[in-house]
Amino acid sequence: MPKGTVIIDDERCKGCGLCLVFCPEDVLEMSEELNRSGYRVACMKDPESCIGCALCAQACPDIAIEVYRDKKPAKGNNGEDR
């Protein structure tokens, strides 16, 4: 399965929690930390379980989430990593 990385812009996040609801792998949680506006923001609690589906980013009404998929190394003709 592809692995992903979720980047959350703490200052754009308003703590609505929609990203938590839509995450199929239960990767996110609400932080105890507050942003400058006083909102508890989302953060990754289990980065190793992220599959990079980007459903969290699609659900975010504040466009505060970016998701990057980690690429697998290219394989040579003999099956070895390049």
N, C-alpha and C. Protein backbone atom coordinates (compact mmCIF):
# COMPACT_ATOMS: atom_id res chain seq x y z
N MET A 1 0.83 -1.19 0.00
CA MET A 1 0.00 0.00 0.00
C MET A 1 0.87 1.24 0.00
N PRO A 2 0.47 2.26 -0.73
CA PRO A 2 1.25 3.50 -0.71
C PRO A 2 1.15 4.17 0.66
N LYS A 3 2.21 4.78 1.08
CA LYS A 3 2.21 5.54 2.33
C LYS A 3 2.04 7.00 1.98
N GLY A 4 1.49 7.76 2.91
CA GLY A 4 1.27 9.17 2.67
C GLY A 4 1.74 10.02 3.82
N THR A 5 1.83 11.31 3.55
CA THR A 5 2.17 12.29 4.56
C THR A 5 1.12 13.39 4.52
N VAL A 6 0.57 13.72 5.67
CA VAL A 6 -0.45 14.75 5.78
C VAL A 6 0.19 15.99 6.39
N ILE A 7 0.05 17.12 5.70
CA ILE A 7 0.55 18.40 6.20
C ILE A 7 -0.66 19.27 6.48
N ILE A 8 -0.78 19.72 7.73
CA ILE A 8 -1.92 20.54 8.14
C ILE A 8 -1.43 21.94 8.47
N ASP A 9 -2.03 22.94 7.84
CA ASP A 9 -1.72 24.34 8.12
C ASP A 9 -2.48 24.72 9.40
N ASP A 10 -1.76 24.76 10.50
CA ASP A 10 -2.38 25.00 11.81
C ASP A 10 -3.18 26.30 11.86
N GLU A 11 -2.72 27.31 11.17
CA GLU A 11 -3.40 28.60 11.24
C GLU A 11 -4.66 28.66 10.37
N ARG A 12 -4.78 27.78 9.39
CA ARG A 12 -6.00 27.73 8.58
C ARG A 12 -7.05 26.81 9.20
N CYS A 13 -6.59 25.82 9.97
CA CYS A 13 -7.49 24.82 10.57
C CYS A 13 -8.37 25.47 11.63
N LYS A 14 -9.67 25.18 11.56
CA LYS A 14 -10.63 25.70 12.54
C LYS A 14 -11.15 24.61 13.46
N GLY A 15 -10.54 23.43 13.39
CA GLY A 15 -10.88 22.37 14.33
C GLY A 15 -12.26 21.75 14.14
N CYS A 16 -12.76 21.73 12.92
CA CYS A 16 -14.10 21.19 12.69
C CYS A 16 -14.15 19.67 12.84
N GLY A 17 -13.02 18.99 12.60
CA GLY A 17 -12.95 17.55 12.76
C GLY A 17 -13.44 16.72 11.59
N LEU A 18 -13.81 17.36 10.48
CA LEU A 18 -14.28 16.59 9.33
C LEU A 18 -13.20 15.65 8.79
N CYS A 19 -11.95 16.08 8.86
CA CYS A 19 -10.87 15.22 8.37
C CYS A 19 -10.79 13.93 9.18
N LEU A 20 -11.06 14.01 10.47
CA LEU A 20 -11.05 12.81 11.32
C LEU A 20 -12.15 11.85 10.91
N VAL A 21 -13.31 12.40 10.59
CA VAL A 21 -14.46 11.59 10.22
C VAL A 21 -14.22 10.84 8.90
N PHE A 22 -13.57 11.51 7.95
CA PHE A 22 -13.39 10.93 6.63
C PHE A 22 -12.16 10.03 6.49
N CYS A 23 -11.25 10.07 7.45
CA CYS A 23 -10.03 9.26 7.35
C CYS A 23 -10.36 7.79 7.56
N PRO A 24 -10.15 6.94 6.54
CA PRO A 24 -10.50 5.53 6.67
C PRO A 24 -9.54 4.74 7.56
N GLU A 25 -8.37 5.29 7.84
CA GLU A 25 -7.37 4.58 8.63
C GLU A 25 -7.22 5.13 10.05
N ASP A 26 -8.05 6.09 10.43
CA ASP A 26 -8.02 6.68 11.78
C ASP A 26 -6.62 7.21 12.12
N VAL A 27 -6.06 7.99 11.19
CA VAL A 27 -4.70 8.50 11.31
C VAL A 27 -4.64 9.82 12.07
N LEU A 28 -5.73 10.57 12.06
CA LEU A 28 -5.73 11.92 12.62
C LEU A 28 -6.43 12.01 13.97
N GLU A 29 -6.06 13.05 14.72
CA GLU A 29 -6.74 13.35 15.98
C GLU A 29 -6.69 14.86 16.18
N MET A 30 -7.44 15.35 17.16
CA MET A 30 -7.40 16.77 17.49
C MET A 30 -6.30 16.98 18.52
N SER A 31 -5.45 17.95 18.25
CA SER A 31 -4.34 18.27 19.13
C SER A 31 -4.84 19.00 20.37
N GLU A 32 -4.10 18.93 21.43
CA GLU A 32 -4.39 19.72 22.63
C GLU A 32 -3.91 21.16 22.44
N GLU A 33 -3.01 21.36 21.48
CA GLU A 33 -2.46 22.68 21.21
C GLU A 33 -3.49 23.55 20.49
N LEU A 34 -3.44 24.84 20.75
CA LEU A 34 -4.34 25.80 20.10
C LEU A 34 -3.55 26.63 19.10
N ASN A 35 -4.22 26.99 18.00
CA ASN A 35 -3.58 27.90 17.05
C ASN A 35 -3.81 29.34 17.53
N ARG A 36 -3.36 30.31 16.75
CA ARG A 36 -3.49 31.73 17.16
C ARG A 36 -4.93 32.18 17.29
N SER A 37 -5.83 31.50 16.62
CA SER A 37 -7.26 31.87 16.69
C SER A 37 -7.97 31.15 17.84
N GLY A 38 -7.27 30.27 18.54
CA GLY A 38 -7.86 29.57 19.68
C GLY A 38 -8.52 28.25 19.35
N TYR A 39 -8.29 27.73 18.14
CA TYR A 39 -8.87 26.45 17.74
C TYR A 39 -7.90 25.30 18.03
N ARG A 40 -8.44 24.18 18.50
CA ARG A 40 -7.66 22.94 18.54
C ARG A 40 -7.57 22.45 17.12
N VAL A 41 -6.39 22.13 16.68
CA VAL A 41 -6.19 21.75 15.28
C VAL A 41 -5.96 20.26 15.14
N ALA A 42 -6.20 19.76 13.95
CA ALA A 42 -5.97 18.35 13.65
C ALA A 42 -4.47 18.09 13.53
N CYS A 43 -4.09 16.87 13.85
CA CYS A 43 -2.69 16.46 13.70
C CYS A 43 -2.66 14.96 13.45
N MET A 44 -1.52 14.46 13.00
CA MET A 44 -1.38 13.03 12.74
C MET A 44 -1.04 12.31 14.05
N LYS A 45 -1.83 11.29 14.37
CA LYS A 45 -1.52 10.48 15.56
C LYS A 45 -0.84 9.18 15.19
N ASP A 46 -1.03 8.73 13.95
CA ASP A 46 -0.47 7.46 13.52
C ASP A 46 0.04 7.58 12.08
N PRO A 47 1.15 8.30 11.87
CA PRO A 47 1.64 8.54 10.51
C PRO A 47 1.93 7.28 9.71
N GLU A 48 2.34 6.21 10.38
CA GLU A 48 2.68 4.97 9.67
C GLU A 48 1.47 4.32 9.01
N SER A 49 0.28 4.64 9.48
CA SER A 49 -0.94 4.03 8.93
C SER A 49 -1.53 4.81 7.76
N CYS A 50 -1.00 6.00 7.48
CA CYS A 50 -1.56 6.83 6.41
C CYS A 50 -1.31 6.15 5.06
N ILE A 51 -2.38 6.03 4.27
CA ILE A 51 -2.28 5.41 2.95
C ILE A 51 -2.25 6.45 1.83
N GLY A 52 -2.33 7.73 2.17
CA GLY A 52 -2.24 8.78 1.17
C GLY A 52 -3.47 8.94 0.32
N CYS A 53 -4.63 8.59 0.84
CA CYS A 53 -5.87 8.65 0.04
C CYS A 53 -6.36 10.07 -0.19
N ALA A 54 -5.98 11.00 0.67
CA ALA A 54 -6.33 12.42 0.57
C ALA A 54 -7.81 12.72 0.84
N LEU A 55 -8.55 11.78 1.42
CA LEU A 55 -9.94 12.06 1.76
C LEU A 55 -10.02 13.18 2.81
N CYS A 56 -9.05 13.25 3.69
CA CYS A 56 -9.03 14.31 4.70
C CYS A 56 -8.94 15.68 4.03
N ALA A 57 -8.06 15.80 3.04
CA ALA A 57 -7.89 17.07 2.33
C ALA A 57 -9.13 17.44 1.54
N GLN A 58 -9.79 16.45 0.95
CA GLN A 58 -11.00 16.72 0.18
C GLN A 58 -12.14 17.17 1.09
N ALA A 59 -12.17 16.66 2.32
CA ALA A 59 -13.25 17.01 3.25
C ALA A 59 -13.03 18.34 3.94
N CYS A 60 -11.81 18.85 3.95
CA CYS A 60 -11.48 20.07 4.70
C CYS A 60 -12.10 21.30 4.05
N PRO A 61 -13.03 21.98 4.75
CA PRO A 61 -13.66 23.16 4.17
C PRO A 61 -12.75 24.38 4.16
N ASP A 62 -11.66 24.33 4.90
CA ASP A 62 -10.75 25.48 5.00
C ASP A 62 -9.49 25.31 4.16
N ILE A 63 -9.42 24.24 3.38
CA ILE A 63 -8.28 23.95 2.51
C ILE A 63 -6.98 24.04 3.33
N ALA A 64 -6.99 23.42 4.50
CA ALA A 64 -5.86 23.48 5.42
C ALA A 64 -5.00 22.23 5.36
N ILE A 65 -5.34 21.27 4.49
CA ILE A 65 -4.63 19.99 4.47
C ILE A 65 -4.07 19.70 3.08
N GLU A 66 -2.81 19.26 3.06
CA GLU A 66 -2.18 18.77 1.84
C GLU A 66 -1.71 17.34 2.13
N VAL A 67 -1.84 16.47 1.14
CA VAL A 67 -1.42 15.08 1.30
C VAL A 67 -0.43 14.75 0.20
N TYR A 68 0.67 14.14 0.61
CA TYR A 68 1.69 13.71 -0.33
C TYR A 68 1.85 12.21 -0.23
N ARG A 69 1.91 11.55 -1.37
CA ARG A 69 2.16 10.11 -1.39
C ARG A 69 3.64 9.86 -1.53
N ASP A 70 4.14 8.95 -0.74
CA ASP A 70 5.54 8.55 -0.84
C ASP A 70 5.66 7.61 -2.04
N LYS A 71 6.62 7.89 -2.90
CA LYS A 71 6.80 7.06 -4.09
C LYS A 71 7.65 5.85 -3.76
N LYS A 72 7.32 4.74 -4.40
CA LYS A 72 8.13 3.53 -4.26
C LYS A 72 9.33 3.67 -5.17
N PRO A 73 10.48 3.14 -4.77
CA PRO A 73 11.67 3.22 -5.64
C PRO A 73 11.44 2.46 -6.94
N ALA A 74 12.02 2.98 -8.01
CA ALA A 74 11.90 2.33 -9.33
C ALA A 74 12.66 1.01 -9.31
N LYS A 75 12.14 0.03 -10.00
CA LYS A 75 12.78 -1.30 -10.08
C LYS A 75 13.49 -1.42 -11.42
N GLY A 76 14.69 -2.00 -11.40
CA GLY A 76 15.43 -2.28 -12.63
C GLY A 76 14.89 -3.54 -13.28
N ASN A 77 15.46 -3.93 -14.40
CA ASN A 77 15.03 -5.13 -15.13
C ASN A 77 15.22 -6.39 -14.31
N ASN A 78 16.20 -6.40 -13.40
CA ASN A 78 16.43 -7.61 -12.61
C ASN A 78 15.72 -7.56 -11.26
N GLY A 79 14.83 -6.56 -11.06
CA GLY A 79 14.04 -6.50 -9.84
C GLY A 79 14.70 -5.77 -8.70
N GLU A 80 15.94 -5.28 -8.90
CA GLU A 80 16.63 -4.56 -7.84
C GLU A 80 16.24 -3.09 -7.86
N ASP A 81 16.31 -2.46 -6.69
CA ASP A 81 16.05 -1.03 -6.62
C ASP A 81 17.13 -0.28 -7.38
N ARG A 82 16.72 0.81 -8.01
CA ARG A 82 17.69 1.66 -8.72
C ARG A 82 18.23 2.71 -7.79
